[in-house]
Amino acid sequence: MEVKIDEEKDIKITLIDGDKIVAKATCYFENTPEVDGKNIGCIGDFECDNKEYGMQILKKCEEILKNKNIELIVAPMNGNTWKKYRTLKYTNGENPFLLENVNPIKDNEILLNAGFEEMYTYTSTKGKIEDAYNSKVLKDLENKLKENNIEIRKFNKNDYINDFKKIYNISKVSFYRNPFYTPIDEGEFIKQYEQYINLVDEDLILIAEKEGKEIGFIFCIPNLNELKEQKEVKTVIVKTVAVLSEYEKFAIGNILLSQIAENAKSKNFKEWIFAFMYSNNTSQKIAKRNKTELIREYAIYGKRI
């Protein structure tokens, strides 16, 4: 058995048995999220052929991060929550949807056996768009937006850089309450979203503005994975809904979802997935109000050393 360690900015570890790579991982310890004023260590890019190899490489990662004076290790996480993180904990058996890039179910047991404890859970739910929440109260609130000079418009693909900047400005304020939130600069944010520009449907991304200043948005994308099953694309993924806290009293999140439902139905979409919602977040309450049902549960783990 051979352990290969590559030390660059982050430390990559490869476990080799004979001439075969049987496990690998990366130890992240710089520019990682902070907890109690200290950077955490992250174990990401984690893959293994079986439980034994997984346990071995996790132990090696723990030794390395301990020597870096890390007190809390989080896994799986590729450095921060803007990149791949979480394990799949439960599935109803449906095929993975677009953007669902998480570690496999088997990794839960390996992490638990290595002394990690579950820290946070997330869910994805699915429902019929025709069951979208709607009410007279919501319509009245929508009328109040106009009275307060608040407008909702669709994404402008011809000026996508500017609209991504608006989405970034809301995200950096709204997401800071999320577990392990890490600030990201505007350029890196745009780079991450820009890769999806060819998949974007302008009617499925809405931006709320007050007198031209961005205050909320909803980012949805068609589930193009359905094409792999030789099906029509009938599902929309609700990836992100965010509203600045001072405007939450206007129920903008619910109004954005209601408008997305109408736009999606006009394009013959039948179902939607509320993706990667953090447990106890208001987004889960919104998903429940829209009569969606659990299709996935995910977890992230931590270990204090």
C-alpha atoms as a PDB file:
ATOM      1  CA  MET A   1       0.000   0.000   0.000  1.00  0.00           C
ATOM      2  CA  GLU A   2       1.396   3.393  -0.989  1.00  0.00           C
ATOM      3  CA  VAL A   3       0.325   6.859   0.098  1.00  0.00           C
ATOM      4  CA  LYS A   4       1.215   9.632  -2.329  1.00  0.00           C
ATOM      5  CA  ILE A   5       1.091  13.235  -1.070  1.00  0.00           C
ATOM      6  CA  ASP A   6       1.270  16.279  -3.344  1.00  0.00           C
ATOM      7  CA  GLU A   7       1.786  19.532  -1.468  1.00  0.00           C
ATOM      8  CA  GLU A   8       0.788  22.636  -3.343  1.00  0.00           C
ATOM      9  CA  LYS A   9      -1.582  25.256  -1.976  1.00  0.00           C
ATOM     10  CA  ASP A  10      -3.799  22.385  -0.849  1.00  0.00           C
ATOM     11  CA  ILE A  11      -2.591  18.882  -0.070  1.00  0.00           C
ATOM     12  CA  LYS A  12      -3.709  16.107  -2.387  1.00  0.00           C
ATOM     13  CA  ILE A  13      -3.528  12.533  -1.123  1.00  0.00           C
ATOM     14  CA  THR A  14      -3.688   9.398  -3.220  1.00  0.00           C
ATOM     15  CA  LEU A  15      -3.888   5.859  -1.821  1.00  0.00           C
ATOM     16  CA  ILE A  16      -2.442   3.254  -4.179  1.00  0.00           C
ATOM     17  CA  ASP A  17      -2.761  -0.513  -3.853  1.00  0.00           C
ATOM     18  CA  GLY A  18      -0.458  -2.226  -6.311  1.00  0.00           C
ATOM     19  CA  ASP A  19      -0.820  -0.234  -9.496  1.00  0.00           C
ATOM     20  CA  LYS A  20      -4.354   0.927  -8.783  1.00  0.00           C
ATOM     21  CA  ILE A  21      -5.590   4.164  -7.187  1.00  0.00           C
ATOM     22  CA  VAL A  22      -8.073   3.016  -4.536  1.00  0.00           C
ATOM     23  CA  ALA A  23      -8.801   6.310  -2.721  1.00  0.00           C
ATOM     24  CA  LYS A  24      -8.064  10.003  -2.998  1.00  0.00           C
ATOM     25  CA  ALA A  25      -8.817  13.224  -1.179  1.00  0.00           C
ATOM     26  CA  THR A  26      -7.688  16.827  -0.866  1.00  0.00           C
ATOM     27  CA  CYS A  27      -6.984  18.634   2.418  1.00  0.00           C
ATOM     28  CA  TYR A  28      -8.060  22.283   2.261  1.00  0.00           C
ATOM     29  CA  PHE A  29      -6.903  24.601   5.038  1.00  0.00           C
ATOM     30  CA  GLU A  30      -6.413  28.043   3.473  1.00  0.00           C
ATOM     31  CA  ASN A  31      -9.239  30.389   2.457  1.00  0.00           C
ATOM     32  CA  THR A  32     -11.720  28.000   4.026  1.00  0.00           C
ATOM     33  CA  PRO A  33     -14.802  29.061   6.025  1.00  0.00           C
ATOM     34  CA  GLU A  34     -14.285  30.395   9.542  1.00  0.00           C
ATOM     35  CA  VAL A  35     -15.869  29.004  12.692  1.00  0.00           C
ATOM     36  CA  ASP A  36     -15.318  30.862  15.974  1.00  0.00           C
ATOM     37  CA  GLY A  37     -12.798  33.097  14.234  1.00  0.00           C
ATOM     38  CA  LYS A  38     -10.634  30.223  12.994  1.00  0.00           C
ATOM     39  CA  ASN A  39     -10.386  28.618   9.580  1.00  0.00           C
ATOM     40  CA  ILE A  40     -11.741  25.103   9.384  1.00  0.00           C
ATOM     41  CA  GLY A  41     -10.085  22.250   7.538  1.00  0.00           C
ATOM     42  CA  CYS A  42     -11.977  20.616   4.694  1.00  0.00           C
ATOM     43  CA  ILE A  43     -11.661  17.180   3.158  1.00  0.00           C
ATOM     44  CA  GLY A  44     -12.821  17.323  -0.427  1.00  0.00           C
ATOM     45  CA  ASP A  45     -12.448  15.445  -3.721  1.00  0.00           C
ATOM     46  CA  PHE A  46     -13.052  12.370  -1.583  1.00  0.00           C
ATOM     47  CA  GLU A  47     -13.368   9.069  -3.442  1.00  0.00           C
ATOM     48  CA  CYS A  48     -12.702   5.502  -2.357  1.00  0.00           C
ATOM     49  CA  ASP A  49     -13.237   1.972  -3.615  1.00  0.00           C
ATOM     50  CA  ASN A  50     -14.439   0.640  -0.270  1.00  0.00           C
ATOM     51  CA  LYS A  51     -14.858   1.399   3.430  1.00  0.00           C
ATOM     52  CA  GLU A  52     -11.359   0.231   4.402  1.00  0.00           C
ATOM     53  CA  TYR A  53      -9.587   2.475   1.904  1.00  0.00           C
ATOM     54  CA  GLY A  54     -11.889   5.355   2.806  1.00  0.00           C
ATOM     55  CA  MET A  55     -11.080   5.044   6.499  1.00  0.00           C
ATOM     56  CA  GLN A  56      -7.349   4.973   5.753  1.00  0.00           C
ATOM     57  CA  ILE A  57      -7.323   8.106   3.660  1.00  0.00           C
ATOM     58  CA  LEU A  58      -9.565  10.004   6.084  1.00  0.00           C
ATOM     59  CA  LYS A  59      -7.169   9.138   8.899  1.00  0.00           C
ATOM     60  CA  LYS A  60      -4.248  10.474   6.853  1.00  0.00           C
ATOM     61  CA  CYS A  61      -6.182  13.668   6.096  1.00  0.00           C
ATOM     62  CA  GLU A  62      -6.870  14.114   9.810  1.00  0.00           C
ATOM     63  CA  GLU A  63      -3.155  13.780  10.632  1.00  0.00           C
ATOM     64  CA  ILE A  64      -2.227  16.382   8.020  1.00  0.00           C
ATOM     65  CA  LEU A  65      -4.873  18.897   9.085  1.00  0.00           C
ATOM     66  CA  LYS A  66      -4.013  18.430  12.757  1.00  0.00           C
ATOM     67  CA  ASN A  67      -0.422  19.408  11.914  1.00  0.00           C
ATOM     68  CA  LYS A  68      -1.828  22.566  10.315  1.00  0.00           C
ATOM     69  CA  ASN A  69      -3.393  23.489  13.684  1.00  0.00           C
ATOM     70  CA  ILE A  70      -6.898  22.851  12.414  1.00  0.00           C
ATOM     71  CA  GLU A  71      -9.418  22.255  15.197  1.00  0.00           C
ATOM     72  CA  LEU A  72     -12.518  21.428  13.129  1.00  0.00           C
ATOM     73  CA  ILE A  73     -12.593  19.277   9.993  1.00  0.00           C
ATOM     74  CA  VAL A  74     -15.620  19.357   7.702  1.00  0.00           C
ATOM     75  CA  ALA A  75     -16.305  16.762   5.019  1.00  0.00           C
ATOM     76  CA  PRO A  76     -17.027  16.371   2.240  1.00  0.00           C
ATOM     77  CA  MET A  77     -16.311  19.902   1.037  1.00  0.00           C
ATOM     78  CA  ASN A  78     -14.045  21.057  -1.767  1.00  0.00           C
ATOM     79  CA  GLY A  79     -12.757  24.047   0.184  1.00  0.00           C
ATOM     80  CA  ASN A  80     -15.995  26.020   0.549  1.00  0.00           C
ATOM     81  CA  THR A  81     -19.730  25.867  -0.163  1.00  0.00           C
ATOM     82  CA  TRP A  82     -19.376  27.539  -3.566  1.00  0.00           C
ATOM     83  CA  LYS A  83     -17.898  24.252  -4.757  1.00  0.00           C
ATOM     84  CA  LYS A  84     -18.930  20.617  -4.403  1.00  0.00           C
ATOM     85  CA  TYR A  85     -19.969  19.588  -0.890  1.00  0.00           C
ATOM     86  CA  ARG A  86     -22.445  17.288   0.944  1.00  0.00           C
ATOM     87  CA  THR A  87     -23.182  13.577   0.720  1.00  0.00           C
ATOM     88  CA  LEU A  88     -26.392  12.054  -0.533  1.00  0.00           C
ATOM     89  CA  LYS A  89     -28.139  10.649   2.537  1.00  0.00           C
ATOM     90  CA  TYR A  90     -31.543   9.602   1.184  1.00  0.00           C
ATOM     91  CA  THR A  91     -33.058   9.239  -2.275  1.00  0.00           C
ATOM     92  CA  ASN A  92     -36.478   8.159  -3.487  1.00  0.00           C
ATOM     93  CA  GLY A  93     -34.756   6.489  -6.434  1.00  0.00           C
ATOM     94  CA  GLU A  94     -35.252   9.150  -9.083  1.00  0.00           C
ATOM     95  CA  ASN A  95     -32.332   9.836 -11.393  1.00  0.00           C
ATOM     96  CA  PRO A  96     -29.982  12.713 -10.413  1.00  0.00           C
ATOM     97  CA  PHE A  97     -31.101  16.127 -11.612  1.00  0.00           C
ATOM     98  CA  LEU A  98     -28.956  18.776 -13.261  1.00  0.00           C
ATOM     99  CA  LEU A  99     -26.457  20.436 -10.843  1.00  0.00           C
ATOM    100  CA  GLU A 100     -26.866  17.597  -8.299  1.00  0.00           C
ATOM    101  CA  ASN A 101     -23.177  16.969  -7.727  1.00  0.00           C
ATOM    102  CA  VAL A 102     -22.697  15.359  -4.295  1.00  0.00           C
ATOM    103  CA  ASN A 103     -20.852  12.436  -2.737  1.00  0.00           C
ATOM    104  CA  PRO A 104     -22.531   8.998  -2.878  1.00  0.00           C
ATOM    105  CA  ILE A 105     -24.621   7.456  -0.099  1.00  0.00           C
ATOM    106  CA  LYS A 106     -21.890   4.989   0.915  1.00  0.00           C
ATOM    107  CA  ASP A 107     -19.698   7.852   2.152  1.00  0.00           C
ATOM    108  CA  ASN A 108     -22.066   8.560   5.076  1.00  0.00           C
ATOM    109  CA  GLU A 109     -21.157   5.319   6.834  1.00  0.00           C
ATOM    110  CA  ILE A 110     -17.450   5.797   6.154  1.00  0.00           C
ATOM    111  CA  LEU A 111     -17.443   9.294   7.650  1.00  0.00           C
ATOM    112  CA  LEU A 112     -19.415   8.190  10.711  1.00  0.00           C
ATOM    113  CA  ASN A 113     -17.069   5.259  11.297  1.00  0.00           C
ATOM    114  CA  ALA A 114     -14.125   7.669  11.038  1.00  0.00           C
ATOM    115  CA  GLY A 115     -15.514   9.660  13.977  1.00  0.00           C
ATOM    116  CA  PHE A 116     -17.309  12.400  12.080  1.00  0.00           C
ATOM    117  CA  GLU A 117     -20.713  13.629  13.237  1.00  0.00           C
ATOM    118  CA  GLU A 118     -23.543  14.962  11.121  1.00  0.00           C
ATOM    119  CA  MET A 119     -23.612  18.757  11.366  1.00  0.00           C
ATOM    120  CA  TYR A 120     -26.208  19.993   8.878  1.00  0.00           C
ATOM    121  CA  THR A 121     -28.814  18.487   6.590  1.00  0.00           C
ATOM    122  CA  TYR A 122     -30.313  19.708   3.344  1.00  0.00           C
ATOM    123  CA  THR A 123     -33.259  18.562   1.252  1.00  0.00           C
ATOM    124  CA  SER A 124     -34.550  18.611  -2.292  1.00  0.00           C
ATOM    125  CA  THR A 125     -38.292  18.340  -2.841  1.00  0.00           C
ATOM    126  CA  LYS A 126     -40.436  17.927  -5.944  1.00  0.00           C
ATOM    127  CA  GLY A 127     -43.990  18.800  -6.856  1.00  0.00           C
ATOM    128  CA  LYS A 128     -46.399  19.709  -9.620  1.00  0.00           C
ATOM    129  CA  ILE A 129     -46.239  23.292 -10.839  1.00  0.00           C
ATOM    130  CA  GLU A 130     -50.039  23.359 -11.067  1.00  0.00           C
ATOM    131  CA  ASP A 131     -50.080  23.041  -7.258  1.00  0.00           C
ATOM    132  CA  ALA A 132     -48.085  26.256  -6.833  1.00  0.00           C
ATOM    133  CA  TYR A 133     -49.238  28.371  -3.913  1.00  0.00           C
ATOM    134  CA  ASN A 134     -51.533  31.171  -4.914  1.00  0.00           C
ATOM    135  CA  SER A 135     -54.024  33.305  -3.033  1.00  0.00           C
ATOM    136  CA  LYS A 136     -55.825  36.614  -3.061  1.00  0.00           C
ATOM    137  CA  VAL A 137     -53.463  37.787  -0.337  1.00  0.00           C
ATOM    138  CA  LEU A 138     -50.509  37.097  -2.609  1.00  0.00           C
ATOM    139  CA  LYS A 139     -52.132  39.056  -5.423  1.00  0.00           C
ATOM    140  CA  ASP A 140     -52.772  41.963  -3.051  1.00  0.00           C
ATOM    141  CA  LEU A 141     -49.124  41.874  -1.980  1.00  0.00           C
ATOM    142  CA  GLU A 142     -48.061  41.849  -5.620  1.00  0.00           C
ATOM    143  CA  ASN A 143     -50.070  45.036  -6.161  1.00  0.00           C
ATOM    144  CA  LYS A 144     -48.330  46.594  -3.152  1.00  0.00           C
ATOM    145  CA  LEU A 145     -44.987  46.131  -4.903  1.00  0.00           C
ATOM    146  CA  LYS A 146     -46.023  48.627  -7.541  1.00  0.00           C
ATOM    147  CA  GLU A 147     -47.134  51.070  -4.864  1.00  0.00           C
ATOM    148  CA  ASN A 148     -43.623  50.855  -3.397  1.00  0.00           C
ATOM    149  CA  ASN A 149     -41.846  51.255  -6.760  1.00  0.00           C
ATOM    150  CA  ILE A 150     -40.755  47.611  -6.767  1.00  0.00           C
ATOM    151  CA  GLU A 151     -40.709  45.855 -10.126  1.00  0.00           C
ATOM    152  CA  ILE A 152     -39.968  42.282 -11.129  1.00  0.00           C
ATOM    153  CA  ARG A 153     -38.359  41.663 -14.501  1.00  0.00           C
ATOM    154  CA  LYS A 154     -36.890  38.701 -16.318  1.00  0.00           C
ATOM    155  CA  PHE A 155     -33.169  38.081 -16.735  1.00  0.00           C
ATOM    156  CA  ASN A 156     -31.519  39.884 -19.669  1.00  0.00           C
ATOM    157  CA  LYS A 157     -29.354  37.369 -21.481  1.00  0.00           C
ATOM    158  CA  ASN A 158     -27.955  40.071 -23.776  1.00  0.00           C
ATOM    159  CA  ASP A 159     -26.598  41.895 -20.728  1.00  0.00           C
ATOM    160  CA  TYR A 160     -25.952  38.854 -18.537  1.00  0.00           C
ATOM    161  CA  ILE A 161     -22.766  40.177 -16.927  1.00  0.00           C
ATOM    162  CA  ASN A 162     -24.628  43.130 -15.456  1.00  0.00           C
ATOM    163  CA  ASP A 163     -27.488  40.922 -14.264  1.00  0.00           C
ATOM    164  CA  PHE A 164     -25.058  38.437 -12.715  1.00  0.00           C
ATOM    165  CA  LYS A 165     -23.528  41.376 -10.848  1.00  0.00           C
ATOM    166  CA  LYS A 166     -26.976  42.209  -9.481  1.00  0.00           C
ATOM    167  CA  ILE A 167     -27.479  38.577  -8.412  1.00  0.00           C
ATOM    168  CA  TYR A 168     -24.042  38.645  -6.775  1.00  0.00           C
ATOM    169  CA  ASN A 169     -24.865  41.792  -4.801  1.00  0.00           C
ATOM    170  CA  ILE A 170     -27.937  40.128  -3.311  1.00  0.00           C
ATOM    171  CA  SER A 171     -26.219  36.770  -2.748  1.00  0.00           C
ATOM    172  CA  LYS A 172     -23.273  38.145  -0.787  1.00  0.00           C
ATOM    173  CA  VAL A 173     -25.687  39.749   1.693  1.00  0.00           C
ATOM    174  CA  SER A 174     -28.356  37.036   1.826  1.00  0.00           C
ATOM    175  CA  PHE A 175     -26.107  33.969   2.063  1.00  0.00           C
ATOM    176  CA  TYR A 176     -23.904  35.079   4.954  1.00  0.00           C
ATOM    177  CA  ARG A 177     -26.302  33.400   7.409  1.00  0.00           C
ATOM    178  CA  ASN A 178     -25.828  30.011   5.756  1.00  0.00           C
ATOM    179  CA  PRO A 179     -23.578  27.413   7.458  1.00  0.00           C
ATOM    180  CA  PHE A 180     -19.924  27.748   6.444  1.00  0.00           C
ATOM    181  CA  TYR A 181     -20.588  30.809   4.295  1.00  0.00           C
ATOM    182  CA  THR A 182     -17.402  32.113   2.669  1.00  0.00           C
ATOM    183  CA  PRO A 183     -17.194  35.481   0.889  1.00  0.00           C
ATOM    184  CA  ILE A 184     -16.370  35.240  -2.797  1.00  0.00           C
ATOM    185  CA  ASP A 185     -15.287  38.066  -5.087  1.00  0.00           C
ATOM    186  CA  GLU A 186     -17.507  39.250  -7.907  1.00  0.00           C
ATOM    187  CA  GLY A 187     -15.274  37.907 -10.679  1.00  0.00           C
ATOM    188  CA  GLU A 188     -15.200  34.379  -9.271  1.00  0.00           C
ATOM    189  CA  PHE A 189     -18.968  34.440  -8.719  1.00  0.00           C
ATOM    190  CA  ILE A 190     -19.656  35.484 -12.307  1.00  0.00           C
ATOM    191  CA  LYS A 191     -17.240  32.831 -13.567  1.00  0.00           C
ATOM    192  CA  GLN A 192     -19.181  30.129 -11.720  1.00  0.00           C
ATOM    193  CA  TYR A 193     -22.566  31.253 -13.030  1.00  0.00           C
ATOM    194  CA  GLU A 194     -21.325  32.093 -16.525  1.00  0.00           C
ATOM    195  CA  GLN A 195     -20.751  28.410 -17.301  1.00  0.00           C
ATOM    196  CA  TYR A 196     -24.540  27.934 -17.282  1.00  0.00           C
ATOM    197  CA  ILE A 197     -25.383  30.846 -19.581  1.00  0.00           C
ATOM    198  CA  ASN A 198     -26.197  28.600 -22.546  1.00  0.00           C
ATOM    199  CA  LEU A 199     -28.669  26.682 -20.361  1.00  0.00           C
ATOM    200  CA  VAL A 200     -30.423  29.817 -19.132  1.00  0.00           C
ATOM    201  CA  ASP A 201     -34.023  30.545 -20.018  1.00  0.00           C
ATOM    202  CA  GLU A 202     -34.626  34.265 -19.446  1.00  0.00           C
ATOM    203  CA  ASP A 203     -38.179  33.654 -18.252  1.00  0.00           C
ATOM    204  CA  LEU A 204     -36.950  31.339 -15.473  1.00  0.00           C
ATOM    205  CA  ILE A 205     -34.681  33.888 -13.794  1.00  0.00           C
ATOM    206  CA  LEU A 206     -36.367  36.916 -12.280  1.00  0.00           C
ATOM    207  CA  ILE A 207     -34.871  39.973 -10.585  1.00  0.00           C
ATOM    208  CA  ALA A 208     -36.770  42.250  -8.208  1.00  0.00           C
ATOM    209  CA  GLU A 209     -35.680  45.878  -8.220  1.00  0.00           C
ATOM    210  CA  LYS A 210     -36.682  48.986  -6.322  1.00  0.00           C
ATOM    211  CA  GLU A 211     -36.119  52.056  -8.471  1.00  0.00           C
ATOM    212  CA  GLY A 212     -33.547  50.105 -10.476  1.00  0.00           C
ATOM    213  CA  LYS A 213     -31.654  48.757  -7.445  1.00  0.00           C
ATOM    214  CA  GLU A 214     -31.641  44.974  -7.058  1.00  0.00           C
ATOM    215  CA  ILE A 215     -33.354  43.625  -3.909  1.00  0.00           C
ATOM    216  CA  GLY A 216     -34.167  40.000  -4.730  1.00  0.00           C
ATOM    217  CA  PHE A 217     -33.959  37.274  -7.343  1.00  0.00           C
ATOM    218  CA  ILE A 218     -34.943  33.731  -8.232  1.00  0.00           C
ATOM    219  CA  PHE A 219     -32.660  31.511 -10.294  1.00  0.00           C
ATOM    220  CA  CYS A 220     -34.238  28.487 -12.001  1.00  0.00           C
ATOM    221  CA  ILE A 221     -32.928  26.218 -14.731  1.00  0.00           C
ATOM    222  CA  PRO A 222     -34.495  23.420 -16.798  1.00  0.00           C
ATOM    223  CA  ASN A 223     -33.572  19.906 -15.703  1.00  0.00           C
ATOM    224  CA  LEU A 224     -31.714  19.002 -18.881  1.00  0.00           C
ATOM    225  CA  ASN A 225     -30.738  15.646 -17.372  1.00  0.00           C
ATOM    226  CA  GLU A 226     -34.167  14.494 -18.514  1.00  0.00           C
ATOM    227  CA  LEU A 227     -32.833  14.539 -22.077  1.00  0.00           C
ATOM    228  CA  LYS A 228     -30.453  11.716 -21.126  1.00  0.00           C
ATOM    229  CA  GLU A 229     -33.499   9.581 -20.414  1.00  0.00           C
ATOM    230  CA  GLN A 230     -34.809  10.364 -23.914  1.00  0.00           C
ATOM    231  CA  LYS A 231     -37.582  12.425 -22.382  1.00  0.00           C
ATOM    232  CA  GLU A 232     -38.856  15.895 -22.932  1.00  0.00           C
ATOM    233  CA  VAL A 233     -37.618  18.407 -20.378  1.00  0.00           C
ATOM    234  CA  LYS A 234     -40.661  18.826 -18.151  1.00  0.00           C
ATOM    235  CA  THR A 235     -39.012  19.829 -14.864  1.00  0.00           C
ATOM    236  CA  VAL A 236     -37.642  23.145 -13.628  1.00  0.00           C
ATOM    237  CA  ILE A 237     -35.009  23.295 -10.882  1.00  0.00           C
ATOM    238  CA  VAL A 238     -35.494  26.123  -8.386  1.00  0.00           C
ATOM    239  CA  LYS A 239     -31.861  26.618  -7.442  1.00  0.00           C
ATOM    240  CA  THR A 240     -31.907  29.871  -5.464  1.00  0.00           C
ATOM    241  CA  VAL A 241     -34.417  32.331  -4.050  1.00  0.00           C
ATOM    242  CA  ALA A 242     -32.934  35.298  -2.211  1.00  0.00           C
ATOM    243  CA  VAL A 243     -34.369  38.582  -0.956  1.00  0.00           C
ATOM    244  CA  LEU A 244     -32.687  41.308   1.064  1.00  0.00           C
ATOM    245  CA  SER A 245     -33.972  41.113   4.645  1.00  0.00           C
ATOM    246  CA  GLU A 246     -35.408  44.626   4.716  1.00  0.00           C
ATOM    247  CA  TYR A 247     -37.782  43.685   1.874  1.00  0.00           C
ATOM    248  CA  GLU A 248     -38.951  40.290   3.171  1.00  0.00           C
ATOM    249  CA  LYS A 249     -42.148  41.885   4.516  1.00  0.00           C
ATOM    250  CA  PHE A 250     -43.358  42.229   0.921  1.00  0.00           C
ATOM    251  CA  ALA A 251     -43.375  38.408   0.424  1.00  0.00           C
ATOM    252  CA  ILE A 252     -41.175  38.873  -2.631  1.00  0.00           C
ATOM    253  CA  GLY A 253     -39.904  35.291  -2.460  1.00  0.00           C
ATOM    254  CA  ASN A 254     -43.436  33.904  -2.727  1.00  0.00           C
ATOM    255  CA  ILE A 255     -44.300  36.352  -5.497  1.00  0.00           C
ATOM    256  CA  LEU A 256     -41.188  35.404  -7.478  1.00  0.00           C
ATOM    257  CA  LEU A 257     -42.133  31.721  -7.188  1.00  0.00           C
ATOM    258  CA  SER A 258     -45.700  32.443  -8.266  1.00  0.00           C
ATOM    259  CA  GLN A 259     -44.479  34.264 -11.365  1.00  0.00           C
ATOM    260  CA  ILE A 260     -41.999  31.483 -12.157  1.00  0.00           C
ATOM    261  CA  ALA A 261     -44.863  28.974 -11.914  1.00  0.00           C
ATOM    262  CA  GLU A 262     -46.877  30.947 -14.474  1.00  0.00           C
ATOM    263  CA  ASN A 263     -43.880  31.318 -16.796  1.00  0.00           C
ATOM    264  CA  ALA A 264     -42.999  27.634 -16.489  1.00  0.00           C
ATOM    265  CA  LYS A 265     -46.567  26.481 -17.201  1.00  0.00           C
ATOM    266  CA  SER A 266     -46.654  28.655 -20.321  1.00  0.00           C
ATOM    267  CA  LYS A 267     -43.605  26.708 -21.543  1.00  0.00           C
ATOM    268  CA  ASN A 268     -45.226  23.335 -20.794  1.00  0.00           C
ATOM    269  CA  PHE A 269     -43.105  22.508 -17.749  1.00  0.00           C
ATOM    270  CA  LYS A 270     -45.065  20.232 -15.426  1.00  0.00           C
ATOM    271  CA  GLU A 271     -42.951  19.796 -12.273  1.00  0.00           C
ATOM    272  CA  TRP A 272     -40.372  21.656 -10.252  1.00  0.00           C
ATOM    273  CA  ILE A 273     -37.610  20.719  -7.844  1.00  0.00           C
ATOM    274  CA  PHE A 274     -36.726  22.910  -4.875  1.00  0.00           C
ATOM    275  CA  ALA A 275     -33.033  22.043  -4.692  1.00  0.00           C
ATOM    276  CA  PHE A 276     -30.562  21.897  -1.789  1.00  0.00           C
ATOM    277  CA  MET A 277     -32.580  23.654   0.884  1.00  0.00           C
ATOM    278  CA  TYR A 278     -30.855  24.032   4.238  1.00  0.00           C
ATOM    279  CA  SER A 279     -32.916  22.504   7.051  1.00  0.00           C
ATOM    280  CA  ASN A 280     -34.807  25.048   9.176  1.00  0.00           C
ATOM    281  CA  ASN A 281     -34.447  27.628   6.437  1.00  0.00           C
ATOM    282  CA  THR A 282     -37.502  29.587   5.276  1.00  0.00           C
ATOM    283  CA  SER A 283     -37.054  28.019   1.836  1.00  0.00           C
ATOM    284  CA  GLN A 284     -38.258  24.689   3.233  1.00  0.00           C
ATOM    285  CA  LYS A 285     -41.437  26.359   4.483  1.00  0.00           C
ATOM    286  CA  ILE A 286     -41.998  27.835   1.040  1.00  0.00           C
ATOM    287  CA  ALA A 287     -41.456  24.419  -0.561  1.00  0.00           C
ATOM    288  CA  LYS A 288     -44.019  22.852   1.793  1.00  0.00           C
ATOM    289  CA  ARG A 289     -46.527  25.582   0.984  1.00  0.00           C
ATOM    290  CA  ASN A 290     -46.151  24.634  -2.679  1.00  0.00           C
ATOM    291  CA  LYS A 291     -47.065  20.986  -1.908  1.00  0.00           C
ATOM    292  CA  THR A 292     -43.716  19.470  -2.824  1.00  0.00           C
ATOM    293  CA  GLU A 293     -42.506  16.141  -1.434  1.00  0.00           C
ATOM    294  CA  LEU A 294     -39.073  14.954  -0.337  1.00  0.00           C
ATOM    295  CA  ILE A 295     -36.959  13.278  -3.020  1.00  0.00           C
ATOM    296  CA  ARG A 296     -33.464  13.744  -1.572  1.00  0.00           C
ATOM    297  CA  GLU A 297     -31.734  14.405   1.723  1.00  0.00           C
ATOM    298  CA  TYR A 298     -28.073  15.398   2.038  1.00  0.00           C
ATOM    299  CA  ALA A 299     -25.642  15.770   4.935  1.00  0.00           C
ATOM    300  CA  ILE A 300     -22.366  17.394   5.822  1.00  0.00           C
ATOM    301  CA  TYR A 301     -20.124  16.105   8.600  1.00  0.00           C
ATOM    302  CA  GLY A 302     -17.665  17.554  11.075  1.00  0.00           C
ATOM    303  CA  LYS A 303     -15.005  16.334  13.493  1.00  0.00           C
ATOM    304  CA  ARG A 304     -13.227  18.322  16.198  1.00  0.00           C
ATOM    305  CA  ILE A 305      -9.588  17.416  16.787  1.00  0.00           C
END
